Amino acid sequence: MMIELVEKSKDTGMEINTVIGDTAYSGKDNLQSAQTEEIQLISQYGKIDGFNFAWNYKELQQYLR
């Protein structure tokens, strides 16, 4: 979801380095896309696989491996 919006924005010439979103943006696919694209993702806490996460870099890196 997020990556499609980022790509459309980049196609218009925008430089995207940060995305701010609500809980819908905190899903695993968006987190992985943000990491791959080297985009800082700021989103509200969400649930992944039934667990509540308070995102910090160390937890995120462990989860995405």
C-alpha atoms as a PDB file:
ATOM      1  CA  MET A   1       0.000   0.000   0.000  1.00  0.00           C
ATOM      2  CA  MET A   2       2.565   2.579   1.089  1.00  0.00           C
ATOM      3  CA  ILE A   3       5.149   1.716  -1.543  1.00  0.00           C
ATOM      4  CA  GLU A   4       2.695   2.361  -4.386  1.00  0.00           C
ATOM      5  CA  LEU A   5       2.034   5.861  -3.051  1.00  0.00           C
ATOM      6  CA  VAL A   6       5.752   6.477  -2.626  1.00  0.00           C
ATOM      7  CA  GLU A   7       6.457   5.321  -6.192  1.00  0.00           C
ATOM      8  CA  LYS A   8       3.705   7.555  -7.618  1.00  0.00           C
ATOM      9  CA  SER A   9       5.150  10.493  -5.718  1.00  0.00           C
ATOM     10  CA  LYS A  10       8.683   9.716  -6.940  1.00  0.00           C
ATOM     11  CA  ASP A  11       7.368   9.526 -10.513  1.00  0.00           C
ATOM     12  CA  THR A  12       6.339  13.185 -10.212  1.00  0.00           C
ATOM     13  CA  GLY A  13       9.876  14.132  -9.201  1.00  0.00           C
ATOM     14  CA  MET A  14       9.390  14.229  -5.445  1.00  0.00           C
ATOM     15  CA  GLU A  15      12.163  13.007  -3.161  1.00  0.00           C
ATOM     16  CA  ILE A  16      10.690  10.871  -0.388  1.00  0.00           C
ATOM     17  CA  ASN A  17      12.747  10.165   2.720  1.00  0.00           C
ATOM     18  CA  THR A  18      10.035  10.061   5.417  1.00  0.00           C
ATOM     19  CA  VAL A  19       6.459   8.757   5.470  1.00  0.00           C
ATOM     20  CA  ILE A  20       4.113   9.599   8.331  1.00  0.00           C
ATOM     21  CA  GLY A  21       1.012   7.453   8.657  1.00  0.00           C
ATOM     22  CA  ASP A  22      -1.538   5.964  10.992  1.00  0.00           C
ATOM     23  CA  THR A  23      -1.759   2.408  12.290  1.00  0.00           C
ATOM     24  CA  ALA A  24      -2.540   1.102   8.801  1.00  0.00           C
ATOM     25  CA  TYR A  25       1.040   1.959   7.790  1.00  0.00           C
ATOM     26  CA  SER A  26       2.630  -0.126  10.548  1.00  0.00           C
ATOM     27  CA  GLY A  27       2.082  -3.468   8.806  1.00  0.00           C
ATOM     28  CA  LYS A  28       4.998  -5.775   8.081  1.00  0.00           C
ATOM     29  CA  ASP A  29       4.921  -5.167   4.297  1.00  0.00           C
ATOM     30  CA  ASN A  30       5.190  -1.407   4.766  1.00  0.00           C
ATOM     31  CA  LEU A  31       7.963  -1.795   7.339  1.00  0.00           C
ATOM     32  CA  GLN A  32       9.951  -4.015   4.999  1.00  0.00           C
ATOM     33  CA  SER A  33       9.355  -1.663   2.051  1.00  0.00           C
ATOM     34  CA  ALA A  34      10.480   1.316   4.105  1.00  0.00           C
ATOM     35  CA  GLN A  35      13.637  -0.518   5.107  1.00  0.00           C
ATOM     36  CA  THR A  36      14.369  -1.608   1.525  1.00  0.00           C
ATOM     37  CA  GLU A  37      13.746   1.877   0.122  1.00  0.00           C
ATOM     38  CA  GLU A  38      15.662   3.496   3.015  1.00  0.00           C
ATOM     39  CA  ILE A  39      12.612   5.544   3.992  1.00  0.00           C
ATOM     40  CA  GLN A  40      11.956   6.541   7.580  1.00  0.00           C
ATOM     41  CA  LEU A  41       8.452   5.329   8.454  1.00  0.00           C
ATOM     42  CA  ILE A  42       6.701   7.036  11.343  1.00  0.00           C
ATOM     43  CA  SER A  43       3.440   5.356  12.258  1.00  0.00           C
ATOM     44  CA  GLN A  44       1.257   4.714  15.229  1.00  0.00           C
ATOM     45  CA  TYR A  45       1.703   1.481  17.129  1.00  0.00           C
ATOM     46  CA  GLY A  46       0.105  -1.481  15.463  1.00  0.00           C
ATOM     47  CA  LYS A  47      -0.355  -5.203  15.745  1.00  0.00           C
ATOM     48  CA  ILE A  48       1.782  -7.683  13.884  1.00  0.00           C
ATOM     49  CA  ASP A  49       0.938 -11.343  14.125  1.00  0.00           C
ATOM     50  CA  GLY A  50      -1.259 -10.550  17.130  1.00  0.00           C
ATOM     51  CA  PHE A  51       1.423  -8.704  19.104  1.00  0.00           C
ATOM     52  CA  ASN A  52       1.438  -5.021  19.972  1.00  0.00           C
ATOM     53  CA  PHE A  53       4.687  -3.308  19.057  1.00  0.00           C
ATOM     54  CA  ALA A  54       6.174  -0.029  20.143  1.00  0.00           C
ATOM     55  CA  TRP A  55       8.578   0.471  17.254  1.00  0.00           C
ATOM     56  CA  ASN A  56      12.200   0.986  17.929  1.00  0.00           C
ATOM     57  CA  TYR A  57      15.080   0.182  15.661  1.00  0.00           C
ATOM     58  CA  LYS A  58      16.356  -2.858  17.568  1.00  0.00           C
ATOM     59  CA  GLU A  59      12.922  -4.554  17.750  1.00  0.00           C
ATOM     60  CA  LEU A  60      12.234  -3.771  14.112  1.00  0.00           C
ATOM     61  CA  GLN A  61      15.499  -5.276  12.923  1.00  0.00           C
ATOM     62  CA  GLN A  62      14.894  -8.485  14.884  1.00  0.00           C
ATOM     63  CA  TYR A  63      11.359  -8.827  13.512  1.00  0.00           C
ATOM     64  CA  LEU A  64      12.266  -8.260   9.860  1.00  0.00           C
ATOM     65  CA  ARG A  65      15.005 -10.910   9.773  1.00  0.00           C
END
